[in-house]
Amino acid sequence: MSKNEKSKKSADVSANYDGVYAPKIRFPLYIYPETMKTVESIYKSDNCSTKTEFMEKAIRFYCAHLMQNKPELIEYLAPQIAHIVEGYIMGTEQRLSRAIFKLAVEVGAQSHILAAINDIEESTLFKLREMVTDEVRRINGIINFESAVRYQRSEEE
């Protein structure tokens, strides 16, 4: 099979937005050279692999714009909104995971340093863990160093 036949075959049947395979229709398209230059310069920035895919998305977007007050709009917008929100959530999840990992490393290092320089009895450590767990629940996880210093100093007196 020649390269031309392969590209024609893959262009004839392609995945639809809903994941359903459907035949594509070929038709002539006449556009201004400036419009084509614009398409060529930005189609990859929209994560489109071809100019045809970009134009298909643009046509669908414009049709949805024209059908703003029609029920068909929901069929178009719902998956688009879900895709956008999913992207934001994944990005946020990754940033939070990295931040939590870095915090865990810092807390682990601090725990080892404190354990190395202090001689704390096991019963005291157990009581401290209970007290801190209750405090974190009560203050909803917002830990204030100054409050901890005041608490520790008040016990010394």
N, C-alpha and C. Protein backbone atom coordinates (compact mmCIF):
# COMPACT_ATOMS: atom_id res chain seq x y z
N MET A 1 0.86 -1.18 0.00
CA MET A 1 0.00 0.00 0.00
C MET A 1 0.90 1.24 0.00
N SER A 2 0.63 2.15 -0.91
CA SER A 2 1.46 3.35 -1.02
C SER A 2 1.16 4.33 0.11
N LYS A 3 2.07 5.30 0.27
CA LYS A 3 1.92 6.31 1.32
C LYS A 3 0.63 7.12 1.11
N ASN A 4 0.31 7.43 -0.14
CA ASN A 4 -0.92 8.17 -0.48
C ASN A 4 -2.16 7.40 -0.07
N GLU A 5 -2.16 6.09 -0.35
CA GLU A 5 -3.31 5.27 -0.02
C GLU A 5 -3.50 5.17 1.49
N LYS A 6 -2.38 5.05 2.24
CA LYS A 6 -2.45 4.99 3.69
C LYS A 6 -3.03 6.27 4.27
N SER A 7 -2.54 7.42 3.79
CA SER A 7 -3.03 8.70 4.33
C SER A 7 -4.50 8.91 3.97
N LYS A 8 -4.89 8.47 2.75
CA LYS A 8 -6.29 8.61 2.35
C LYS A 8 -7.17 7.72 3.23
N LYS A 9 -6.68 6.49 3.51
CA LYS A 9 -7.45 5.57 4.34
C LYS A 9 -7.60 6.11 5.76
N SER A 10 -6.53 6.65 6.34
CA SER A 10 -6.62 7.18 7.70
C SER A 10 -7.43 8.47 7.74
N ALA A 11 -7.46 9.21 6.65
CA ALA A 11 -8.25 10.45 6.60
C ALA A 11 -9.73 10.14 6.41
N ASP A 12 -10.03 9.00 5.76
CA ASP A 12 -11.43 8.65 5.52
C ASP A 12 -12.17 8.25 6.79
N VAL A 13 -11.48 7.54 7.69
CA VAL A 13 -12.10 7.09 8.93
C VAL A 13 -11.24 7.58 10.07
N SER A 14 -11.85 8.35 10.95
CA SER A 14 -11.11 8.90 12.08
C SER A 14 -12.00 8.91 13.31
N ALA A 15 -11.38 8.99 14.47
CA ALA A 15 -12.15 9.00 15.72
C ALA A 15 -12.89 10.32 15.85
N ASN A 16 -14.14 10.22 16.19
CA ASN A 16 -14.97 11.39 16.45
C ASN A 16 -14.66 11.89 17.86
N TYR A 17 -15.20 13.01 18.29
CA TYR A 17 -14.96 13.53 19.62
C TYR A 17 -15.49 12.61 20.71
N ASP A 18 -16.49 11.84 20.41
CA ASP A 18 -17.08 10.94 21.39
C ASP A 18 -16.37 9.59 21.41
N GLY A 19 -15.28 9.43 20.67
CA GLY A 19 -14.56 8.17 20.61
C GLY A 19 -15.15 7.18 19.64
N VAL A 20 -16.14 7.60 18.86
CA VAL A 20 -16.79 6.73 17.88
C VAL A 20 -16.11 6.94 16.54
N TYR A 21 -15.80 5.84 15.87
CA TYR A 21 -15.18 5.94 14.55
C TYR A 21 -16.25 6.17 13.49
N ALA A 22 -16.03 7.16 12.65
CA ALA A 22 -17.01 7.50 11.63
C ALA A 22 -16.28 7.95 10.38
N PRO A 23 -16.90 7.77 9.22
CA PRO A 23 -16.24 8.21 7.98
C PRO A 23 -16.25 9.74 7.88
N LYS A 24 -15.18 10.26 7.34
CA LYS A 24 -15.10 11.70 7.11
C LYS A 24 -15.54 12.00 5.68
N ILE A 25 -16.02 13.21 5.48
CA ILE A 25 -16.46 13.65 4.16
C ILE A 25 -15.40 14.60 3.61
N ARG A 26 -15.06 14.43 2.37
CA ARG A 26 -14.09 15.31 1.74
C ARG A 26 -14.84 16.32 0.88
N PHE A 27 -14.48 17.61 1.03
CA PHE A 27 -15.11 18.64 0.22
C PHE A 27 -14.12 19.79 0.02
N PRO A 28 -14.31 20.56 -1.02
CA PRO A 28 -13.37 21.67 -1.26
C PRO A 28 -13.63 22.80 -0.27
N LEU A 29 -12.57 23.43 0.13
CA LEU A 29 -12.67 24.55 1.05
C LEU A 29 -11.85 25.70 0.47
N TYR A 30 -12.48 26.82 0.30
CA TYR A 30 -11.81 27.99 -0.21
C TYR A 30 -11.68 29.01 0.91
N ILE A 31 -10.45 29.33 1.28
CA ILE A 31 -10.24 30.34 2.32
C ILE A 31 -9.18 31.33 1.85
N TYR A 32 -9.15 32.49 2.49
CA TYR A 32 -8.17 33.51 2.16
C TYR A 32 -6.78 33.07 2.62
N PRO A 33 -5.75 33.50 1.91
CA PRO A 33 -4.37 33.14 2.29
C PRO A 33 -4.03 33.57 3.72
N GLU A 34 -4.54 34.74 4.14
CA GLU A 34 -4.25 35.21 5.51
C GLU A 34 -4.85 34.26 6.55
N THR A 35 -6.05 33.75 6.25
CA THR A 35 -6.69 32.81 7.16
C THR A 35 -5.87 31.53 7.26
N MET A 36 -5.37 31.05 6.13
CA MET A 36 -4.56 29.83 6.12
C MET A 36 -3.26 30.05 6.88
N LYS A 37 -2.65 31.23 6.76
CA LYS A 37 -1.42 31.53 7.51
C LYS A 37 -1.70 31.49 9.01
N THR A 38 -2.84 32.02 9.40
CA THR A 38 -3.22 32.01 10.82
C THR A 38 -3.38 30.58 11.30
N VAL A 39 -4.09 29.76 10.53
CA VAL A 39 -4.29 28.36 10.89
C VAL A 39 -2.95 27.65 11.01
N GLU A 40 -2.07 27.84 10.04
CA GLU A 40 -0.77 27.18 10.06
C GLU A 40 0.07 27.60 11.27
N SER A 41 -0.10 28.84 11.70
CA SER A 41 0.73 29.32 12.81
C SER A 41 0.21 28.90 14.19
N ILE A 42 -1.08 28.55 14.30
CA ILE A 42 -1.60 28.26 15.65
C ILE A 42 -2.22 26.88 15.84
N TYR A 43 -2.36 26.08 14.81
CA TYR A 43 -3.07 24.81 14.99
C TYR A 43 -2.35 23.88 15.97
N LYS A 44 -1.03 23.90 16.01
CA LYS A 44 -0.30 23.02 16.93
C LYS A 44 -0.43 23.50 18.37
N SER A 45 -0.59 24.80 18.56
CA SER A 45 -0.72 25.32 19.93
C SER A 45 -2.06 24.92 20.55
N ASP A 46 -3.00 24.45 19.73
CA ASP A 46 -4.29 23.97 20.23
C ASP A 46 -4.28 22.45 20.38
N ASN A 47 -3.07 21.86 20.38
CA ASN A 47 -2.89 20.41 20.49
C ASN A 47 -3.56 19.64 19.36
N CYS A 48 -3.61 20.24 18.20
CA CYS A 48 -4.15 19.55 17.02
C CYS A 48 -2.98 19.00 16.22
N SER A 49 -3.12 17.77 15.75
CA SER A 49 -2.04 17.17 14.97
C SER A 49 -2.09 17.59 13.50
N THR A 50 -3.27 18.02 13.03
CA THR A 50 -3.40 18.44 11.64
C THR A 50 -4.23 19.72 11.56
N LYS A 51 -4.10 20.40 10.43
CA LYS A 51 -4.91 21.60 10.20
C LYS A 51 -6.38 21.22 10.04
N THR A 52 -6.63 20.02 9.50
CA THR A 52 -8.01 19.55 9.35
C THR A 52 -8.67 19.40 10.71
N GLU A 53 -7.94 18.81 11.67
CA GLU A 53 -8.48 18.65 13.01
C GLU A 53 -8.77 20.01 13.64
N PHE A 54 -7.87 20.97 13.43
CA PHE A 54 -8.07 22.32 13.96
C PHE A 54 -9.32 22.95 13.37
N MET A 55 -9.48 22.85 12.06
CA MET A 55 -10.65 23.44 11.40
C MET A 55 -11.94 22.75 11.85
N GLU A 56 -11.89 21.43 12.04
CA GLU A 56 -13.06 20.70 12.55
C GLU A 56 -13.46 21.24 13.92
N LYS A 57 -12.47 21.41 14.81
CA LYS A 57 -12.76 21.96 16.14
C LYS A 57 -13.32 23.38 16.04
N ALA A 58 -12.74 24.17 15.15
CA ALA A 58 -13.19 25.56 15.00
C ALA A 58 -14.63 25.60 14.50
N ILE A 59 -14.96 24.74 13.55
CA ILE A 59 -16.33 24.70 13.02
C ILE A 59 -17.31 24.28 14.12
N ARG A 60 -16.93 23.25 14.89
CA ARG A 60 -17.80 22.79 15.98
C ARG A 60 -17.99 23.90 17.02
N PHE A 61 -16.91 24.62 17.32
CA PHE A 61 -16.99 25.71 18.29
C PHE A 61 -17.92 26.81 17.79
N TYR A 62 -17.77 27.18 16.53
CA TYR A 62 -18.60 28.24 15.96
C TYR A 62 -20.06 27.80 15.90
N CYS A 63 -20.30 26.55 15.54
CA CYS A 63 -21.69 26.05 15.52
C CYS A 63 -22.29 26.09 16.91
N ALA A 64 -21.52 25.71 17.93
CA ALA A 64 -22.01 25.78 19.31
C ALA A 64 -22.32 27.22 19.70
N HIS A 65 -21.49 28.14 19.25
CA HIS A 65 -21.72 29.56 19.51
C HIS A 65 -23.06 30.01 18.92
N LEU A 66 -23.35 29.56 17.72
CA LEU A 66 -24.60 29.93 17.06
C LEU A 66 -25.81 29.28 17.72
N MET A 67 -25.60 28.14 18.38
CA MET A 67 -26.71 27.42 19.00
C MET A 67 -26.79 27.69 20.50
N GLN A 68 -26.34 28.83 20.95
CA GLN A 68 -26.23 29.12 22.38
C GLN A 68 -27.49 28.82 23.17
N ASN A 69 -28.63 29.13 22.64
CA ASN A 69 -29.87 28.95 23.38
C ASN A 69 -30.61 27.66 23.01
N LYS A 70 -29.91 26.73 22.40
CA LYS A 70 -30.53 25.49 21.99
C LYS A 70 -29.99 24.33 22.82
N PRO A 71 -30.78 23.28 23.01
CA PRO A 71 -30.34 22.13 23.82
C PRO A 71 -29.10 21.43 23.27
N GLU A 72 -28.86 21.54 21.97
CA GLU A 72 -27.70 20.88 21.38
C GLU A 72 -26.39 21.42 21.95
N LEU A 73 -26.45 22.64 22.46
CA LEU A 73 -25.24 23.26 23.02
C LEU A 73 -24.71 22.44 24.20
N ILE A 74 -25.60 21.93 25.01
CA ILE A 74 -25.19 21.15 26.18
C ILE A 74 -24.40 19.92 25.73
N GLU A 75 -24.83 19.31 24.65
CA GLU A 75 -24.13 18.12 24.14
C GLU A 75 -22.70 18.46 23.74
N TYR A 76 -22.47 19.70 23.31
CA TYR A 76 -21.13 20.11 22.92
C TYR A 76 -20.33 20.61 24.12
N LEU A 77 -20.94 21.45 24.95
CA LEU A 77 -20.21 22.10 26.03
C LEU A 77 -19.89 21.18 27.19
N ALA A 78 -20.79 20.28 27.54
CA ALA A 78 -20.57 19.42 28.71
C ALA A 78 -19.23 18.68 28.63
N PRO A 79 -18.92 17.98 27.54
CA PRO A 79 -17.62 17.30 27.47
C PRO A 79 -16.45 18.28 27.46
N GLN A 80 -16.63 19.45 26.84
CA GLN A 80 -15.56 20.44 26.80
C GLN A 80 -15.25 20.95 28.20
N ILE A 81 -16.28 21.29 28.95
CA ILE A 81 -16.10 21.79 30.31
C ILE A 81 -15.48 20.70 31.19
N ALA A 82 -15.97 19.48 31.05
CA ALA A 82 -15.43 18.36 31.84
C ALA A 82 -13.95 18.18 31.55
N HIS A 83 -13.56 18.28 30.29
CA HIS A 83 -12.15 18.12 29.90
C HIS A 83 -11.29 19.23 30.50
N ILE A 84 -11.76 20.46 30.46
CA ILE A 84 -11.02 21.60 31.01
C ILE A 84 -10.87 21.47 32.52
N VAL A 85 -11.97 21.16 33.20
CA VAL A 85 -11.94 21.03 34.66
C VAL A 85 -11.02 19.89 35.06
N GLU A 86 -11.07 18.79 34.33
CA GLU A 86 -10.21 17.64 34.62
C GLU A 86 -8.74 18.04 34.52
N GLY A 87 -8.40 18.85 33.53
CA GLY A 87 -7.03 19.33 33.38
C GLY A 87 -6.58 20.18 34.55
N TYR A 88 -7.45 21.09 35.00
CA TYR A 88 -7.12 21.92 36.17
C TYR A 88 -6.94 21.07 37.41
N ILE A 89 -7.82 20.10 37.61
CA ILE A 89 -7.74 19.25 38.80
C ILE A 89 -6.46 18.42 38.79
N MET A 90 -6.12 17.86 37.64
CA MET A 90 -4.90 17.06 37.56
C MET A 90 -3.67 17.91 37.86
N GLY A 91 -3.63 19.14 37.32
CA GLY A 91 -2.50 20.02 37.58
C GLY A 91 -2.41 20.38 39.05
N THR A 92 -3.54 20.69 39.66
CA THR A 92 -3.56 21.02 41.09
C THR A 92 -3.15 19.83 41.93
N GLU A 93 -3.64 18.66 41.57
CA GLU A 93 -3.29 17.44 42.30
C GLU A 93 -1.79 17.19 42.25
N GLN A 94 -1.18 17.39 41.10
CA GLN A 94 0.26 17.18 40.98
C GLN A 94 1.04 18.18 41.83
N ARG A 95 0.62 19.45 41.80
CA ARG A 95 1.30 20.46 42.61
C ARG A 95 1.17 20.16 44.10
N LEU A 96 -0.03 19.78 44.52
CA LEU A 96 -0.24 19.45 45.94
C LEU A 96 0.57 18.22 46.34
N SER A 97 0.63 17.22 45.50
CA SER A 97 1.40 16.01 45.80
C SER A 97 2.88 16.34 45.97
N ARG A 98 3.40 17.17 45.10
CA ARG A 98 4.82 17.57 45.21
C ARG A 98 5.06 18.36 46.50
N ALA A 99 4.15 19.26 46.82
CA ALA A 99 4.30 20.07 48.03
C ALA A 99 4.23 19.19 49.27
N ILE A 100 3.30 18.23 49.31
CA ILE A 100 3.18 17.34 50.46
C ILE A 100 4.42 16.47 50.59
N PHE A 101 4.96 16.01 49.47
CA PHE A 101 6.18 15.20 49.50
C PHE A 101 7.33 16.02 50.10
N LYS A 102 7.49 17.27 49.65
CA LYS A 102 8.56 18.12 50.18
C LYS A 102 8.37 18.37 51.67
N LEU A 103 7.12 18.60 52.09
CA LEU A 103 6.86 18.79 53.51
C LEU A 103 7.19 17.54 54.32
N ALA A 104 6.85 16.38 53.81
CA ALA A 104 7.14 15.12 54.51
C ALA A 104 8.65 14.93 54.67
N VAL A 105 9.42 15.28 53.65
CA VAL A 105 10.87 15.18 53.74
C VAL A 105 11.39 16.12 54.82
N GLU A 106 10.90 17.35 54.86
CA GLU A 106 11.34 18.32 55.87
C GLU A 106 10.95 17.87 57.27
N VAL A 107 9.73 17.40 57.45
CA VAL A 107 9.29 16.93 58.78
C VAL A 107 10.13 15.73 59.21
N GLY A 108 10.42 14.84 58.28
CA GLY A 108 11.26 13.68 58.60
C GLY A 108 12.65 14.10 59.05
N ALA A 109 13.24 15.06 58.34
CA ALA A 109 14.57 15.56 58.71
C ALA A 109 14.53 16.21 60.09
N GLN A 110 13.51 17.03 60.34
CA GLN A 110 13.39 17.69 61.64
C GLN A 110 13.19 16.66 62.76
N SER A 111 12.41 15.64 62.51
CA SER A 111 12.19 14.60 63.52
C SER A 111 13.49 13.90 63.88
N HIS A 112 14.29 13.59 62.89
CA HIS A 112 15.58 12.93 63.16
C HIS A 112 16.53 13.85 63.92
N ILE A 113 16.55 15.12 63.57
CA ILE A 113 17.40 16.08 64.28
C ILE A 113 16.97 16.18 65.73
N LEU A 114 15.68 16.35 65.97
CA LEU A 114 15.16 16.47 67.34
C LEU A 114 15.42 15.19 68.14
N ALA A 115 15.24 14.05 67.53
CA ALA A 115 15.47 12.78 68.23
C ALA A 115 16.94 12.63 68.60
N ALA A 116 17.83 13.13 67.75
CA ALA A 116 19.27 13.00 68.00
C ALA A 116 19.73 13.89 69.15
N ILE A 117 19.11 15.06 69.34
CA ILE A 117 19.61 16.00 70.36
C ILE A 117 18.81 15.97 71.66
N ASN A 118 17.70 15.24 71.71
CA ASN A 118 16.87 15.21 72.91
C ASN A 118 16.71 13.78 73.43
N ASP A 119 16.60 13.69 74.74
CA ASP A 119 16.35 12.41 75.37
C ASP A 119 14.93 12.45 75.92
N ILE A 120 13.96 12.00 75.13
CA ILE A 120 12.56 12.07 75.51
C ILE A 120 12.07 10.67 75.86
N GLU A 121 11.39 10.56 76.99
CA GLU A 121 10.84 9.27 77.42
C GLU A 121 9.68 8.89 76.51
N GLU A 122 9.46 7.59 76.39
CA GLU A 122 8.41 7.09 75.51
C GLU A 122 7.02 7.53 75.94
N SER A 123 6.77 7.56 77.26
CA SER A 123 5.46 7.98 77.75
C SER A 123 5.20 9.45 77.42
N THR A 124 6.23 10.29 77.52
CA THR A 124 6.11 11.71 77.18
C THR A 124 5.83 11.87 75.69
N LEU A 125 6.52 11.09 74.90
CA LEU A 125 6.33 11.14 73.44
C LEU A 125 4.90 10.74 73.08
N PHE A 126 4.37 9.71 73.74
CA PHE A 126 3.01 9.26 73.49
C PHE A 126 2.00 10.35 73.85
N LYS A 127 2.18 10.99 75.02
CA LYS A 127 1.28 12.07 75.45
C LYS A 127 1.37 13.26 74.49
N LEU A 128 2.58 13.57 74.04
CA LEU A 128 2.77 14.68 73.09
C LEU A 128 2.04 14.41 71.79
N ARG A 129 2.14 13.18 71.29
CA ARG A 129 1.47 12.84 70.03
C ARG A 129 -0.05 12.96 70.18
N GLU A 130 -0.61 12.51 71.29
CA GLU A 130 -2.05 12.64 71.54
C GLU A 130 -2.46 14.11 71.59
N MET A 131 -1.68 14.91 72.32
CA MET A 131 -1.99 16.33 72.47
C MET A 131 -1.95 17.05 71.11
N VAL A 132 -0.93 16.75 70.32
CA VAL A 132 -0.79 17.40 69.00
C VAL A 132 -1.90 16.95 68.06
N THR A 133 -2.26 15.67 68.11
CA THR A 133 -3.34 15.18 67.25
C THR A 133 -4.64 15.90 67.58
N ASP A 134 -4.94 16.04 68.87
CA ASP A 134 -6.16 16.76 69.27
C ASP A 134 -6.11 18.23 68.84
N GLU A 135 -4.93 18.84 69.02
CA GLU A 135 -4.78 20.25 68.66
C GLU A 135 -4.97 20.46 67.15
N VAL A 136 -4.38 19.60 66.35
CA VAL A 136 -4.49 19.73 64.88
C VAL A 136 -5.94 19.56 64.44
N ARG A 137 -6.66 18.63 65.07
CA ARG A 137 -8.09 18.47 64.76
C ARG A 137 -8.85 19.74 65.13
N ARG A 138 -8.56 20.27 66.31
CA ARG A 138 -9.28 21.44 66.81
C ARG A 138 -9.02 22.68 65.95
N ILE A 139 -7.78 22.87 65.51
CA ILE A 139 -7.44 24.08 64.73
C ILE A 139 -7.49 23.83 63.23
N ASN A 140 -8.02 22.67 62.83
CA ASN A 140 -8.23 22.33 61.43
C ASN A 140 -6.92 22.32 60.62
N GLY A 141 -5.85 21.88 61.25
CA GLY A 141 -4.59 21.70 60.55
C GLY A 141 -3.75 22.95 60.36
N ILE A 142 -4.20 24.08 60.88
CA ILE A 142 -3.45 25.33 60.72
C ILE A 142 -2.54 25.48 61.94
N ILE A 143 -1.29 25.11 61.77
CA ILE A 143 -0.34 25.09 62.87
C ILE A 143 0.38 26.43 62.94
N ASN A 144 0.45 26.97 64.17
CA ASN A 144 1.08 28.27 64.39
C ASN A 144 2.26 28.05 65.33
N PHE A 145 3.48 28.34 64.87
CA PHE A 145 4.68 28.12 65.67
C PHE A 145 4.68 28.96 66.94
N GLU A 146 4.22 30.20 66.83
CA GLU A 146 4.21 31.09 68.00
C GLU A 146 3.31 30.52 69.11
N SER A 147 2.17 29.94 68.74
CA SER A 147 1.28 29.33 69.73
C SER A 147 1.95 28.13 70.40
N ALA A 148 2.69 27.36 69.64
CA ALA A 148 3.39 26.20 70.21
C ALA A 148 4.46 26.67 71.19
N VAL A 149 5.19 27.73 70.86
CA VAL A 149 6.22 28.26 71.75
C VAL A 149 5.58 28.75 73.05
N ARG A 150 4.47 29.51 72.94
CA ARG A 150 3.77 29.99 74.14
C ARG A 150 3.30 28.82 75.01
N TYR A 151 2.77 27.77 74.37
CA TYR A 151 2.29 26.61 75.10
C TYR A 151 3.45 25.94 75.84
N GLN A 152 4.58 25.73 75.16
CA GLN A 152 5.73 25.08 75.78
C GLN A 152 6.29 25.92 76.93
N ARG A 153 6.33 27.22 76.77
CA ARG A 153 6.86 28.11 77.82
C ARG A 153 5.92 28.14 79.02
N SER A 154 4.63 28.05 78.79
CA SER A 154 3.68 28.08 79.90
C SER A 154 3.79 26.82 80.75
N GLU A 155 4.20 25.68 80.19
CA GLU A 155 4.36 24.45 80.94
C GLU A 155 5.62 24.48 81.79
N GLU A 156 6.63 25.27 81.34
CA GLU A 156 7.88 25.36 82.09
C GLU A 156 7.70 26.15 83.37
N GLU A 157 6.77 27.08 83.39
CA GLU A 157 6.59 27.97 84.54
C GLU A 157 5.83 27.35 85.65
